[in-house]
């Protein structure tokens, strides 16, 4: 979107960048990816940035952002350049007042010395991925299915990347996050879904009789296990589904001990399912 000055300014350094003296590449996400982050907030950060921000207090005072906005940034894990992980950044935001103090009051506050250093417990990778999806709708740290792969394998599910090696007509089981659901008016009731795991995507076809049997899962689940038959037409691969299982509740157990899902309270599972509709949204077309 380099031709759009507003998009370029808003996304900041959101393109792939090669680090100086390094052969690796980094992907930087723009502020626009953060839920609830307005363009005006990004403009305030850019306008007062100067040579950069070294700490949370300086960002708060110079950019004039409300603590609620800084909390959104913290939840999106945006303070890595300050040496703060998500939990440390949230802790730093909690120490701020509703608005910056006047100049002399702020100077007096600094003379009182800094708050004692607090050692916060480390955040597990699974928890970080959950928080990434809640704030950004994606994660660059890991894919949710990578934490569930062992349990999925026990149910016979293969990674999506394996589909290319299977023959036409093979029976297969797979699982993935629902990226999109389509029900074109010209398809006579057929549902097309795209599932994503840590290795790639899989295209699923749900014929009307199967849809009627698993309507609630087809329309509402965020993580689905599919059993069906592989159909290959050239390089295009589809899975004709004949059974679907809703595994959405497993998204709440990322990073938990094995068996946590089976021990969870039913009400907690229901609440988690409602939350996952917001944290792992799909794009549905009718």
C-alpha atoms as a PDB file:
ATOM      1  CA  UNK A   1       0.000   0.000   0.000  1.00  0.00           C
ATOM      2  CA  UNK A   2       2.956   2.291  -0.626  1.00  0.00           C
ATOM      3  CA  UNK A   3       0.913   4.370  -3.069  1.00  0.00           C
ATOM      4  CA  UNK A   4      -1.557   5.412  -0.381  1.00  0.00           C
ATOM      5  CA  UNK A   5       0.034   8.100   1.836  1.00  0.00           C
ATOM      6  CA  UNK A   6      -2.535   7.665   4.593  1.00  0.00           C
ATOM      7  CA  UNK A   7      -2.074   3.915   4.686  1.00  0.00           C
ATOM      8  CA  UNK A   8       1.713   4.297   4.575  1.00  0.00           C
ATOM      9  CA  UNK A   9       1.703   6.777   7.443  1.00  0.00           C
ATOM     10  CA  UNK A  10      -0.803   4.723   9.424  1.00  0.00           C
ATOM     11  CA  UNK A  11       0.967   1.417   8.964  1.00  0.00           C
ATOM     12  CA  UNK A  12       4.324   2.976   9.806  1.00  0.00           C
ATOM     13  CA  UNK A  13       7.121   0.462   9.204  1.00  0.00           C
ATOM     14  CA  UNK A  14       4.725  -2.378   8.530  1.00  0.00           C
ATOM     15  CA  UNK A  15       6.587  -3.857   5.552  1.00  0.00           C
ATOM     16  CA  UNK A  16       9.061  -6.715   5.562  1.00  0.00           C
ATOM     17  CA  UNK A  17      12.408  -5.202   6.483  1.00  0.00           C
ATOM     18  CA  UNK A  18      15.884  -6.593   6.194  1.00  0.00           C
ATOM     19  CA  UNK A  19      17.989  -5.836   9.242  1.00  0.00           C
ATOM     20  CA  UNK A  20      21.294  -4.113   8.558  1.00  0.00           C
ATOM     21  CA  UNK A  21      24.130  -6.642   8.542  1.00  0.00           C
ATOM     22  CA  UNK A  22      21.705  -9.518   8.957  1.00  0.00           C
ATOM     23  CA  UNK A  23      20.492 -12.055   6.415  1.00  0.00           C
ATOM     24  CA  UNK A  24      17.190 -12.653   8.235  1.00  0.00           C
ATOM     25  CA  UNK A  25      13.956 -10.759   7.709  1.00  0.00           C
ATOM     26  CA  UNK A  26      11.555  -9.227  10.216  1.00  0.00           C
ATOM     27  CA  UNK A  27       7.829  -8.674   9.880  1.00  0.00           C
ATOM     28  CA  UNK A  28       6.556  -5.575  11.654  1.00  0.00           C
ATOM     29  CA  UNK A  29       2.834  -5.214  12.235  1.00  0.00           C
ATOM     30  CA  UNK A  30       1.241  -1.777  11.967  1.00  0.00           C
ATOM     31  CA  UNK A  31      -0.769  -0.155  14.750  1.00  0.00           C
ATOM     32  CA  UNK A  32      -3.890  -0.676  12.655  1.00  0.00           C
ATOM     33  CA  UNK A  33      -3.739  -4.403  13.510  1.00  0.00           C
ATOM     34  CA  UNK A  34      -4.452  -3.689  17.205  1.00  0.00           C
ATOM     35  CA  UNK A  35      -8.098  -3.918  18.219  1.00  0.00           C
ATOM     36  CA  UNK A  36      -9.455  -0.527  19.297  1.00  0.00           C
ATOM     37  CA  UNK A  37      -6.343   1.383  18.199  1.00  0.00           C
ATOM     38  CA  UNK A  38      -7.435   4.567  16.392  1.00  0.00           C
ATOM     39  CA  UNK A  39      -5.423   6.389  13.772  1.00  0.00           C
ATOM     40  CA  UNK A  40      -5.393   9.532  15.915  1.00  0.00           C
ATOM     41  CA  UNK A  41      -3.537   7.642  18.665  1.00  0.00           C
ATOM     42  CA  UNK A  42      -0.862   6.535  16.197  1.00  0.00           C
ATOM     43  CA  UNK A  43      -0.566  10.126  14.956  1.00  0.00           C
ATOM     44  CA  UNK A  44       0.063  11.320  18.531  1.00  0.00           C
ATOM     45  CA  UNK A  45       2.816   8.731  18.988  1.00  0.00           C
ATOM     46  CA  UNK A  46       4.481   9.682  15.698  1.00  0.00           C
ATOM     47  CA  UNK A  47       4.204  13.435  16.310  1.00  0.00           C
ATOM     48  CA  UNK A  48       5.997  13.275  19.676  1.00  0.00           C
ATOM     49  CA  UNK A  49       8.379  10.416  18.892  1.00  0.00           C
ATOM     50  CA  UNK A  50      11.551  12.423  18.154  1.00  0.00           C
ATOM     51  CA  UNK A  51      14.475  10.044  18.720  1.00  0.00           C
ATOM     52  CA  UNK A  52      12.189   7.433  20.204  1.00  0.00           C
ATOM     53  CA  UNK A  53      10.723   6.515  23.572  1.00  0.00           C
ATOM     54  CA  UNK A  54      12.889   4.918  26.232  1.00  0.00           C
ATOM     55  CA  UNK A  55      10.226   4.126  28.821  1.00  0.00           C
ATOM     56  CA  UNK A  56       6.502   4.082  29.468  1.00  0.00           C
ATOM     57  CA  UNK A  57       6.545   7.282  31.507  1.00  0.00           C
ATOM     58  CA  UNK A  58       8.170   9.232  28.679  1.00  0.00           C
ATOM     59  CA  UNK A  59       5.682   7.924  26.139  1.00  0.00           C
ATOM     60  CA  UNK A  60       2.764   8.837  28.397  1.00  0.00           C
ATOM     61  CA  UNK A  61       3.979  12.368  29.026  1.00  0.00           C
ATOM     62  CA  UNK A  62       5.148  13.237  25.519  1.00  0.00           C
ATOM     63  CA  UNK A  63       2.405  11.612  23.441  1.00  0.00           C
ATOM     64  CA  UNK A  64      -0.385  12.496  25.873  1.00  0.00           C
ATOM     65  CA  UNK A  65      -2.119   9.135  25.484  1.00  0.00           C
ATOM     66  CA  UNK A  66      -4.632   7.979  28.078  1.00  0.00           C
ATOM     67  CA  UNK A  67      -3.588   4.940  30.139  1.00  0.00           C
ATOM     68  CA  UNK A  68      -6.413   2.977  28.476  1.00  0.00           C
ATOM     69  CA  UNK A  69      -4.707   3.457  25.094  1.00  0.00           C
ATOM     70  CA  UNK A  70      -1.332   2.464  26.505  1.00  0.00           C
ATOM     71  CA  UNK A  71      -2.978  -0.624  27.957  1.00  0.00           C
ATOM     72  CA  UNK A  72      -4.212  -1.600  24.493  1.00  0.00           C
ATOM     73  CA  UNK A  73      -0.651  -1.278  23.230  1.00  0.00           C
ATOM     74  CA  UNK A  74       0.646  -3.309  26.154  1.00  0.00           C
ATOM     75  CA  UNK A  75      -1.871  -6.079  25.552  1.00  0.00           C
ATOM     76  CA  UNK A  76      -0.697  -6.164  21.935  1.00  0.00           C
ATOM     77  CA  UNK A  77       2.904  -6.686  23.165  1.00  0.00           C
ATOM     78  CA  UNK A  78       4.033  -3.437  21.526  1.00  0.00           C
ATOM     79  CA  UNK A  79       6.743  -2.461  24.038  1.00  0.00           C
ATOM     80  CA  UNK A  80       9.463  -4.946  23.180  1.00  0.00           C
ATOM     81  CA  UNK A  81      11.754  -2.107  22.070  1.00  0.00           C
ATOM     82  CA  UNK A  82      11.640  -0.809  25.666  1.00  0.00           C
ATOM     83  CA  UNK A  83      12.607  -4.209  27.016  1.00  0.00           C
ATOM     84  CA  UNK A  84       9.112  -4.806  28.388  1.00  0.00           C
ATOM     85  CA  UNK A  85       7.120  -7.957  27.739  1.00  0.00           C
ATOM     86  CA  UNK A  86       3.339  -7.847  27.791  1.00  0.00           C
ATOM     87  CA  UNK A  87       3.000  -8.395  31.548  1.00  0.00           C
ATOM     88  CA  UNK A  88       5.732  -5.895  32.463  1.00  0.00           C
ATOM     89  CA  UNK A  89       4.198  -3.283  30.174  1.00  0.00           C
ATOM     90  CA  UNK A  90       0.762  -3.713  31.727  1.00  0.00           C
ATOM     91  CA  UNK A  91       2.327  -3.332  35.172  1.00  0.00           C
ATOM     92  CA  UNK A  92       4.048  -0.117  34.055  1.00  0.00           C
ATOM     93  CA  UNK A  93       0.764   1.290  32.732  1.00  0.00           C
ATOM     94  CA  UNK A  94      -0.948   0.610  36.071  1.00  0.00           C
ATOM     95  CA  UNK A  95       1.503   2.998  37.771  1.00  0.00           C
ATOM     96  CA  UNK A  96       0.366   5.942  35.622  1.00  0.00           C
ATOM     97  CA  UNK A  97      -2.249   8.475  36.630  1.00  0.00           C
ATOM     98  CA  UNK A  98      -5.264   9.563  34.561  1.00  0.00           C
ATOM     99  CA  UNK A  99      -3.196  12.339  32.907  1.00  0.00           C
ATOM    100  CA  UNK A 100       0.406  13.624  33.034  1.00  0.00           C
ATOM    101  CA  UNK A 101       1.285  15.919  35.928  1.00  0.00           C
ATOM    102  CA  UNK A 102       2.227  19.578  35.378  1.00  0.00           C
ATOM    103  CA  UNK A 103       5.941  20.232  34.814  1.00  0.00           C
ATOM    104  CA  UNK A 104       6.990  21.059  38.392  1.00  0.00           C
ATOM    105  CA  UNK A 105       4.796  18.380  39.939  1.00  0.00           C
ATOM    106  CA  UNK A 106       6.325  15.844  37.584  1.00  0.00           C
ATOM    107  CA  UNK A 107       9.838  16.962  38.540  1.00  0.00           C
ATOM    108  CA  UNK A 108       8.962  16.606  42.241  1.00  0.00           C
ATOM    109  CA  UNK A 109       7.601  13.123  41.552  1.00  0.00           C
ATOM    110  CA  UNK A 110      10.891  12.101  39.909  1.00  0.00           C
ATOM    111  CA  UNK A 111      12.844  13.339  42.931  1.00  0.00           C
ATOM    112  CA  UNK A 112      10.976  10.859  45.121  1.00  0.00           C
ATOM    113  CA  UNK A 113      12.726   8.022  43.356  1.00  0.00           C
ATOM    114  CA  UNK A 114      11.455   5.179  41.197  1.00  0.00           C
ATOM    115  CA  UNK A 115       9.115   2.453  42.321  1.00  0.00           C
ATOM    116  CA  UNK A 116      10.918  -0.678  43.637  1.00  0.00           C
ATOM    117  CA  UNK A 117      11.575  -3.249  40.927  1.00  0.00           C
ATOM    118  CA  UNK A 118       9.003  -6.016  40.877  1.00  0.00           C
ATOM    119  CA  UNK A 119       9.774  -9.488  39.544  1.00  0.00           C
ATOM    120  CA  UNK A 120       6.768 -10.646  37.570  1.00  0.00           C
ATOM    121  CA  UNK A 121       6.296 -14.310  36.590  1.00  0.00           C
ATOM    122  CA  UNK A 122       7.253 -15.130  33.010  1.00  0.00           C
ATOM    123  CA  UNK A 123       4.484 -15.533  30.439  1.00  0.00           C
ATOM    124  CA  UNK A 124       4.267 -18.942  28.785  1.00  0.00           C
ATOM    125  CA  UNK A 125       4.334 -19.116  24.996  1.00  0.00           C
ATOM    126  CA  UNK A 126       0.811 -20.533  24.830  1.00  0.00           C
ATOM    127  CA  UNK A 127      -0.548 -17.670  26.913  1.00  0.00           C
ATOM    128  CA  UNK A 128       1.277 -15.191  24.698  1.00  0.00           C
ATOM    129  CA  UNK A 129      -0.335 -16.659  21.596  1.00  0.00           C
ATOM    130  CA  UNK A 130      -3.789 -16.415  23.196  1.00  0.00           C
ATOM    131  CA  UNK A 131      -3.146 -12.768  24.056  1.00  0.00           C
ATOM    132  CA  UNK A 132      -1.819 -12.081  20.540  1.00  0.00           C
ATOM    133  CA  UNK A 133      -5.015 -13.383  18.973  1.00  0.00           C
ATOM    134  CA  UNK A 134      -7.128 -11.419  21.463  1.00  0.00           C
ATOM    135  CA  UNK A 135      -5.372  -8.153  20.556  1.00  0.00           C
ATOM    136  CA  UNK A 136      -4.122  -8.689  17.005  1.00  0.00           C
ATOM    137  CA  UNK A 137      -6.183 -11.595  15.597  1.00  0.00           C
ATOM    138  CA  UNK A 138      -2.920 -13.386  14.777  1.00  0.00           C
ATOM    139  CA  UNK A 139       0.431 -14.252  16.321  1.00  0.00           C
ATOM    140  CA  UNK A 140       3.965 -14.145  14.957  1.00  0.00           C
ATOM    141  CA  UNK A 141       5.216 -16.261  17.879  1.00  0.00           C
ATOM    142  CA  UNK A 142       3.483 -19.553  17.122  1.00  0.00           C
ATOM    143  CA  UNK A 143       0.264 -20.997  15.706  1.00  0.00           C
ATOM    144  CA  UNK A 144      -2.384 -22.243  18.181  1.00  0.00           C
ATOM    145  CA  UNK A 145      -2.482 -25.658  16.503  1.00  0.00           C
ATOM    146  CA  UNK A 146       1.217 -26.248  17.217  1.00  0.00           C
ATOM    147  CA  UNK A 147       0.364 -26.567  20.930  1.00  0.00           C
ATOM    148  CA  UNK A 148      -2.455 -29.014  20.238  1.00  0.00           C
ATOM    149  CA  UNK A 149      -0.697 -31.180  17.643  1.00  0.00           C
ATOM    150  CA  UNK A 150       0.017 -34.126  19.927  1.00  0.00           C
ATOM    151  CA  UNK A 151      -3.613 -34.434  21.024  1.00  0.00           C
ATOM    152  CA  UNK A 152      -4.840 -33.990  17.451  1.00  0.00           C
ATOM    153  CA  UNK A 153      -2.464 -36.698  16.247  1.00  0.00           C
ATOM    154  CA  UNK A 154      -3.952 -39.057  18.826  1.00  0.00           C
ATOM    155  CA  UNK A 155      -7.303 -38.447  17.115  1.00  0.00           C
ATOM    156  CA  UNK A 156      -5.761 -39.304  13.741  1.00  0.00           C
ATOM    157  CA  UNK A 157      -5.464 -35.733  12.461  1.00  0.00           C
ATOM    158  CA  UNK A 158      -2.597 -35.069  10.050  1.00  0.00           C
ATOM    159  CA  UNK A 159      -1.017 -31.649   9.395  1.00  0.00           C
ATOM    160  CA  UNK A 160      -2.433 -29.873   6.357  1.00  0.00           C
ATOM    161  CA  UNK A 161       0.964 -29.992   4.665  1.00  0.00           C
ATOM    162  CA  UNK A 162       0.613 -33.783   4.453  1.00  0.00           C
ATOM    163  CA  UNK A 163      -2.384 -33.529   2.150  1.00  0.00           C
ATOM    164  CA  UNK A 164      -0.141 -32.979  -0.893  1.00  0.00           C
ATOM    165  CA  UNK A 165       1.370 -36.443  -0.444  1.00  0.00           C
ATOM    166  CA  UNK A 166      -1.968 -38.294  -0.238  1.00  0.00           C
ATOM    167  CA  UNK A 167      -3.686 -39.907  -3.200  1.00  0.00           C
ATOM    168  CA  UNK A 168      -7.066 -39.004  -4.646  1.00  0.00           C
ATOM    169  CA  UNK A 169      -9.865 -40.702  -2.725  1.00  0.00           C
ATOM    170  CA  UNK A 170      -7.818 -41.256   0.457  1.00  0.00           C
ATOM    171  CA  UNK A 171      -9.621 -41.073   3.779  1.00  0.00           C
ATOM    172  CA  UNK A 172      -8.189 -38.303   5.937  1.00  0.00           C
ATOM    173  CA  UNK A 173      -8.667 -36.522   9.267  1.00  0.00           C
ATOM    174  CA  UNK A 174      -7.421 -32.984   9.868  1.00  0.00           C
ATOM    175  CA  UNK A 175      -8.131 -29.982  12.076  1.00  0.00           C
ATOM    176  CA  UNK A 176      -7.734 -26.237  11.855  1.00  0.00           C
ATOM    177  CA  UNK A 177      -8.911 -22.755  12.713  1.00  0.00           C
ATOM    178  CA  UNK A 178     -11.763 -21.591  10.490  1.00  0.00           C
ATOM    179  CA  UNK A 179     -10.494 -18.760   8.290  1.00  0.00           C
ATOM    180  CA  UNK A 180     -13.581 -18.442   6.112  1.00  0.00           C
ATOM    181  CA  UNK A 181     -16.965 -19.998   5.313  1.00  0.00           C
ATOM    182  CA  UNK A 182     -18.773 -19.450   2.040  1.00  0.00           C
ATOM    183  CA  UNK A 183     -22.218 -20.480   0.869  1.00  0.00           C
ATOM    184  CA  UNK A 184     -22.619 -19.085  -2.662  1.00  0.00           C
ATOM    185  CA  UNK A 185     -26.167 -18.775  -3.923  1.00  0.00           C
ATOM    186  CA  UNK A 186     -25.220 -20.735  -7.043  1.00  0.00           C
ATOM    187  CA  UNK A 187     -23.740 -23.662  -5.092  1.00  0.00           C
ATOM    188  CA  UNK A 188     -27.102 -25.277  -4.226  1.00  0.00           C
ATOM    189  CA  UNK A 189     -26.512 -25.258  -0.473  1.00  0.00           C
ATOM    190  CA  UNK A 190     -22.881 -26.401  -0.526  1.00  0.00           C
ATOM    191  CA  UNK A 191     -20.606 -24.862   2.130  1.00  0.00           C
ATOM    192  CA  UNK A 192     -16.957 -24.126   1.344  1.00  0.00           C
ATOM    193  CA  UNK A 193     -14.657 -23.633   4.342  1.00  0.00           C
ATOM    194  CA  UNK A 194     -10.954 -22.917   4.722  1.00  0.00           C
ATOM    195  CA  UNK A 195      -9.131 -24.347   7.744  1.00  0.00           C
ATOM    196  CA  UNK A 196      -5.649 -23.300   8.855  1.00  0.00           C
ATOM    197  CA  UNK A 197      -3.135 -25.136  11.001  1.00  0.00           C
ATOM    198  CA  UNK A 198       0.555 -24.486  11.718  1.00  0.00           C
ATOM    199  CA  UNK A 199       1.591 -25.975   8.343  1.00  0.00           C
ATOM    200  CA  UNK A 200      -0.885 -24.399   5.916  1.00  0.00           C
ATOM    201  CA  UNK A 201      -4.517 -24.354   4.833  1.00  0.00           C
ATOM    202  CA  UNK A 202      -7.038 -26.969   3.751  1.00  0.00           C
ATOM    203  CA  UNK A 203     -10.154 -26.459   1.625  1.00  0.00           C
ATOM    204  CA  UNK A 204     -13.252 -28.226   2.937  1.00  0.00           C
ATOM    205  CA  UNK A 205     -16.491 -28.972   1.077  1.00  0.00           C
ATOM    206  CA  UNK A 206     -19.624 -29.682   3.110  1.00  0.00           C
ATOM    207  CA  UNK A 207     -22.538 -31.096   1.105  1.00  0.00           C
ATOM    208  CA  UNK A 208     -26.109 -30.204   2.201  1.00  0.00           C
ATOM    209  CA  UNK A 209     -26.881 -33.510   4.012  1.00  0.00           C
ATOM    210  CA  UNK A 210     -23.699 -33.215   6.077  1.00  0.00           C
ATOM    211  CA  UNK A 211     -24.387 -29.528   6.695  1.00  0.00           C
ATOM    212  CA  UNK A 212     -27.855 -30.312   8.078  1.00  0.00           C
ATOM    213  CA  UNK A 213     -26.335 -32.898  10.429  1.00  0.00           C
ATOM    214  CA  UNK A 214     -23.586 -30.570  11.699  1.00  0.00           C
ATOM    215  CA  UNK A 215     -25.178 -27.174  11.123  1.00  0.00           C
ATOM    216  CA  UNK A 216     -24.184 -25.686  14.502  1.00  0.00           C
ATOM    217  CA  UNK A 217     -20.553 -26.749  14.134  1.00  0.00           C
ATOM    218  CA  UNK A 218     -20.300 -25.598  10.523  1.00  0.00           C
ATOM    219  CA  UNK A 219     -21.667 -22.147  11.325  1.00  0.00           C
ATOM    220  CA  UNK A 220     -20.288 -21.496  14.796  1.00  0.00           C
ATOM    221  CA  UNK A 221     -17.125 -23.467  15.600  1.00  0.00           C
ATOM    222  CA  UNK A 222     -13.738 -21.746  15.516  1.00  0.00           C
ATOM    223  CA  UNK A 223     -11.618 -24.903  15.647  1.00  0.00           C
ATOM    224  CA  UNK A 224     -12.950 -27.910  13.747  1.00  0.00           C
ATOM    225  CA  UNK A 225     -11.792 -31.483  13.286  1.00  0.00           C
ATOM    226  CA  UNK A 226     -12.882 -32.869   9.915  1.00  0.00           C
ATOM    227  CA  UNK A 227     -13.032 -36.453   8.683  1.00  0.00           C
ATOM    228  CA  UNK A 228     -13.626 -37.050   5.011  1.00  0.00           C
ATOM    229  CA  UNK A 229     -12.329 -38.027   1.589  1.00  0.00           C
ATOM    230  CA  UNK A 230      -9.564 -36.239  -0.276  1.00  0.00           C
ATOM    231  CA  UNK A 231     -10.460 -35.035  -3.770  1.00  0.00           C
ATOM    232  CA  UNK A 232      -7.621 -33.983  -6.073  1.00  0.00           C
ATOM    233  CA  UNK A 233      -8.032 -32.091  -9.343  1.00  0.00           C
ATOM    234  CA  UNK A 234      -4.591 -31.206 -10.636  1.00  0.00           C
ATOM    235  CA  UNK A 235      -2.889 -29.163  -7.932  1.00  0.00           C
ATOM    236  CA  UNK A 236      -6.213 -28.304  -6.276  1.00  0.00           C
ATOM    237  CA  UNK A 237      -7.077 -30.389  -3.215  1.00  0.00           C
ATOM    238  CA  UNK A 238     -10.389 -30.478  -1.370  1.00  0.00           C
ATOM    239  CA  UNK A 239     -11.639 -32.564   1.525  1.00  0.00           C
ATOM    240  CA  UNK A 240     -15.222 -33.775   1.177  1.00  0.00           C
ATOM    241  CA  UNK A 241     -16.379 -33.740   4.792  1.00  0.00           C
ATOM    242  CA  UNK A 242     -18.596 -36.469   6.221  1.00  0.00           C
ATOM    243  CA  UNK A 243     -18.010 -35.799   9.934  1.00  0.00           C
ATOM    244  CA  UNK A 244     -17.154 -32.625  11.871  1.00  0.00           C
ATOM    245  CA  UNK A 245     -16.203 -32.184  15.528  1.00  0.00           C
ATOM    246  CA  UNK A 246     -16.161 -28.868  17.399  1.00  0.00           C
ATOM    247  CA  UNK A 247     -12.820 -28.495  19.212  1.00  0.00           C
ATOM    248  CA  UNK A 248     -13.145 -24.787  19.960  1.00  0.00           C
ATOM    249  CA  UNK A 249     -12.834 -25.392  23.706  1.00  0.00           C
ATOM    250  CA  UNK A 250      -9.231 -26.544  23.219  1.00  0.00           C
ATOM    251  CA  UNK A 251      -8.204 -22.981  22.380  1.00  0.00           C
ATOM    252  CA  UNK A 252      -8.582 -22.149  26.078  1.00  0.00           C
ATOM    253  CA  UNK A 253      -5.984 -24.753  27.049  1.00  0.00           C
ATOM    254  CA  UNK A 254      -2.974 -23.482  25.084  1.00  0.00           C
ATOM    255  CA  UNK A 255       0.017 -23.914  27.362  1.00  0.00           C
ATOM    256  CA  UNK A 256      -1.995 -25.837  29.993  1.00  0.00           C
ATOM    257  CA  UNK A 257      -1.071 -29.213  31.390  1.00  0.00           C
ATOM    258  CA  UNK A 258      -2.393 -32.256  29.469  1.00  0.00           C
ATOM    259  CA  UNK A 259      -5.963 -33.097  30.404  1.00  0.00           C
ATOM    260  CA  UNK A 260      -6.912 -29.542  31.337  1.00  0.00           C
ATOM    261  CA  UNK A 261      -9.687 -29.453  28.748  1.00  0.00           C
ATOM    262  CA  UNK A 262     -11.367 -32.568  30.162  1.00  0.00           C
ATOM    263  CA  UNK A 263     -11.294 -31.138  33.707  1.00  0.00           C
ATOM    264  CA  UNK A 264     -12.677 -27.707  32.772  1.00  0.00           C
ATOM    265  CA  UNK A 265     -16.009 -26.566  34.174  1.00  0.00           C
ATOM    266  CA  UNK A 266     -18.828 -26.705  31.533  1.00  0.00           C
ATOM    267  CA  UNK A 267     -19.837 -23.087  32.216  1.00  0.00           C
ATOM    268  CA  UNK A 268     -16.234 -21.980  31.768  1.00  0.00           C
ATOM    269  CA  UNK A 269     -16.117 -23.828  28.446  1.00  0.00           C
ATOM    270  CA  UNK A 270     -19.271 -22.029  27.279  1.00  0.00           C
ATOM    271  CA  UNK A 271     -17.844 -18.653  28.283  1.00  0.00           C
ATOM    272  CA  UNK A 272     -14.596 -19.507  26.520  1.00  0.00           C
ATOM    273  CA  UNK A 273     -16.470 -20.446  23.347  1.00  0.00           C
ATOM    274  CA  UNK A 274     -18.186 -17.050  23.295  1.00  0.00           C
ATOM    275  CA  UNK A 275     -14.834 -15.345  23.831  1.00  0.00           C
ATOM    276  CA  UNK A 276     -13.232 -17.324  21.005  1.00  0.00           C
ATOM    277  CA  UNK A 277     -15.815 -15.989  18.571  1.00  0.00           C
ATOM    278  CA  UNK A 278     -14.229 -12.583  19.191  1.00  0.00           C
ATOM    279  CA  UNK A 279     -10.587 -13.661  19.479  1.00  0.00           C
ATOM    280  CA  UNK A 280     -10.492 -16.092  16.530  1.00  0.00           C
ATOM    281  CA  UNK A 281     -12.967 -14.558  14.063  1.00  0.00           C
ATOM    282  CA  UNK A 282     -13.664 -16.077  10.656  1.00  0.00           C
ATOM    283  CA  UNK A 283     -14.736 -14.362   7.464  1.00  0.00           C
ATOM    284  CA  UNK A 284     -18.110 -15.702   6.435  1.00  0.00           C
ATOM    285  CA  UNK A 285     -19.796 -15.012   3.104  1.00  0.00           C
ATOM    286  CA  UNK A 286     -23.309 -15.990   2.068  1.00  0.00           C
END
